[in-house]
Each structure stands twice: as C-alpha cells, then as structure tokens.
Amino acid sequence: MVKLHIDFNGNREWLDMDNPITDGEYIYNIRHRLNGPAYICWNGLKEYWVNGLKHREDGPAEEYYDGGKMYYINGNLHREDGPAAEWTEGDKLNQIWVLHGQILECDTQQEFERMMKLRTLW
C-alpha cells in the first residue's frame, strides 16, 4: 500500500508501506509512486521515485523550481536524447551528458549526438 505523508512544512511524499528497508538500526518506508512525483517539496521541487530509486522514463526525475532538471533511470543519472542534468547559474546554462551514470566528455548537443552515432557502430 502506498501512503501519502505530509510533513509540517507541507512537503508531500508517497511511501511504500509494504516494503520497508532497514539500515540495522532504523526502519524506513521507501518513496514510491508510479503515476506522478513521489516527493513534492514546498519550494516546488518534484522528485519521481520507483521502489526507492529516482526513476522516470518520460521526463526528468527531478524538476527544480528554477527550471533545473535531472534525468534518472533506476537511480542512475541517464539520458539518451540530451543532457542528463541541466541547470542555470545566473545567465549561464550548465549541461552534463550522462549514460548509465557515466559522465560523457562532450560540451554540446552536437558532440553528444556524434558520440551516440559512434556508439551504435560498436
């Protein structure tokens, strides 16, 4: 059973009550939701979690109030059609391209697309 928990700040999180995890001292319920963000912070941050791992296949698993985005699959930063992380600092847009948690050495979308084409030849 997935249960909505709202804390005193108004943060909302959906927890899987049937599959708790333990670190030996405490028992935790993991974040889990299939049809929307499993965590919504009072400041607008949205996080998508499945079985305790950040995961979303149809968009970013983290969406920040300022437009920043992070793409995760099964808990790893990952995106095959663009940068896996995007955020701004002032007027500067920062982007990082990542596949299966491995940062790729590229600075532009064009370099990334060229690397992906070469990857299909391996």
Protein backbone atom coordinates (compact mmCIF):
# COMPACT_ATOMS: atom_id res chain seq x y z
CA MET A 1 0.00 0.00 0.00
CA VAL A 2 1.33 3.44 -0.95
CA LYS A 3 0.53 6.17 1.55
CA LEU A 4 0.75 9.97 1.25
CA HIS A 5 2.69 11.64 4.07
CA ILE A 6 2.60 15.43 4.56
CA ASP A 7 5.11 16.94 7.00
CA PHE A 8 4.79 20.18 9.00
CA ASN A 9 6.38 22.22 6.15
CA GLY A 10 3.84 20.97 3.62
CA ASN A 11 6.27 18.62 1.86
CA ARG A 12 4.38 15.68 0.38
CA GLU A 13 5.83 12.22 -0.18
CA TRP A 14 4.32 8.91 -1.20
CA LEU A 15 5.74 5.94 0.75
CA ASP A 16 5.52 2.22 0.06
CA MET A 17 4.27 0.88 3.39
CA ASP A 18 4.54 -2.80 2.34
CA ASN A 19 8.29 -2.91 1.60
CA PRO A 20 10.23 -1.17 4.37
CA ILE A 21 14.03 -1.16 4.35
CA THR A 22 16.39 -1.11 7.32
CA ASP A 23 19.93 0.02 8.00
CA GLY A 24 20.10 -2.26 11.05
CA GLU A 25 19.00 0.47 13.45
CA TYR A 26 16.02 2.18 11.83
CA ILE A 27 13.24 1.01 9.52
CA TYR A 28 12.31 3.29 6.63
CA ASN A 29 9.49 3.26 4.15
CA ILE A 30 10.76 3.90 0.64
CA ARG A 31 9.48 6.54 -1.75
CA HIS A 32 7.39 5.03 -4.48
CA ARG A 33 4.78 6.31 -6.91
CA LEU A 34 4.03 5.21 -10.47
CA ASN A 35 1.65 7.93 -11.63
CA GLY A 36 3.35 11.16 -10.57
CA PRO A 37 6.09 12.58 -8.36
CA ALA A 38 6.72 10.65 -5.13
CA TYR A 39 8.06 13.78 -3.42
CA ILE A 40 6.86 17.36 -3.77
CA CYS A 41 8.71 19.96 -1.71
CA TRP A 42 7.16 23.21 -0.50
CA ASN A 43 9.61 25.13 -2.76
CA GLY A 44 8.39 23.44 -5.96
CA LEU A 45 10.97 20.62 -6.23
CA LYS A 46 9.40 17.45 -7.64
CA GLU A 47 11.10 14.04 -7.48
CA TYR A 48 9.95 10.83 -9.17
CA TRP A 49 10.78 7.61 -7.33
CA VAL A 50 10.03 3.95 -8.04
CA ASN A 51 10.90 1.30 -5.44
CA GLY A 52 13.17 3.70 -3.55
CA LEU A 53 15.18 4.78 -6.62
CA LYS A 54 14.91 8.00 -8.58
CA HIS A 55 13.38 6.90 -11.84
CA ARG A 56 11.34 8.34 -14.68
CA GLU A 57 11.23 7.22 -18.29
CA ASP A 58 9.15 10.03 -19.80
CA GLY A 59 10.92 13.10 -18.43
CA PRO A 60 13.21 14.34 -15.68
CA ALA A 61 13.11 12.54 -12.32
CA GLU A 62 13.99 15.81 -10.58
CA GLU A 63 12.34 19.08 -11.54
CA TYR A 64 13.53 22.18 -9.69
CA TYR A 65 11.56 25.36 -9.10
CA ASP A 66 14.10 27.37 -11.14
CA GLY A 67 13.83 25.12 -14.22
CA GLY A 68 16.72 22.77 -13.42
CA LYS A 69 16.25 19.15 -14.47
CA MET A 70 17.93 15.83 -13.70
CA TYR A 71 17.12 12.61 -15.57
CA TYR A 72 17.41 9.28 -13.75
CA ILE A 73 16.77 5.65 -14.66
CA ASN A 74 16.90 3.10 -11.81
CA GLY A 75 18.76 5.52 -9.54
CA ASN A 76 21.45 6.46 -12.08
CA LEU A 77 21.78 9.72 -13.96
CA HIS A 78 20.96 8.74 -17.53
CA ARG A 79 19.56 10.23 -20.72
CA GLU A 80 19.97 9.08 -24.31
CA ASP A 81 18.47 12.07 -26.14
CA GLY A 82 20.08 15.08 -24.44
CA PRO A 83 21.81 16.26 -21.28
CA ALA A 84 21.01 14.27 -18.13
CA ALA A 85 21.45 17.38 -15.97
CA GLU A 86 20.53 20.97 -16.79
CA TRP A 87 20.64 23.99 -14.51
CA THR A 88 21.38 27.70 -14.68
CA GLU A 89 23.78 29.84 -12.71
CA GLY A 90 22.88 33.44 -13.41
CA ASP A 91 22.58 33.67 -17.19
CA LYS A 92 24.75 30.59 -17.83
CA LEU A 93 23.09 27.28 -18.77
CA ASN A 94 25.03 24.26 -17.46
CA GLN A 95 24.57 20.83 -19.01
CA ILE A 96 26.08 17.39 -18.37
CA TRP A 97 25.59 14.38 -20.64
CA VAL A 98 25.47 11.05 -18.81
CA LEU A 99 24.72 7.44 -19.84
CA HIS A 100 24.11 4.81 -17.13
CA GLY A 101 25.78 7.01 -14.51
CA GLN A 102 28.91 7.63 -16.63
CA ILE A 103 29.68 11.26 -17.50
CA LEU A 104 30.44 11.74 -21.19
CA GLU A 105 33.16 14.11 -22.35
CA CYS A 106 31.12 16.46 -24.50
CA ASP A 107 30.10 20.10 -24.23
CA THR A 108 27.32 20.44 -26.79
CA GLN A 109 24.29 18.55 -28.04
CA GLN A 110 26.05 18.11 -31.41
CA GLU A 111 29.05 16.41 -29.78
CA PHE A 112 26.69 14.17 -27.80
CA GLU A 113 24.75 13.17 -30.94
CA ARG A 114 28.03 12.36 -32.73
CA MET A 115 29.10 10.18 -29.79
CA MET A 116 25.73 8.39 -29.83
CA LYS A 117 26.08 7.66 -33.58
CA LEU A 118 29.56 6.24 -32.99
CA ARG A 119 28.17 4.18 -30.11
CA THR A 120 25.74 2.43 -32.47
CA LEU A 121 28.72 1.25 -34.55
CA TRP A 122 30.33 -0.60 -31.62
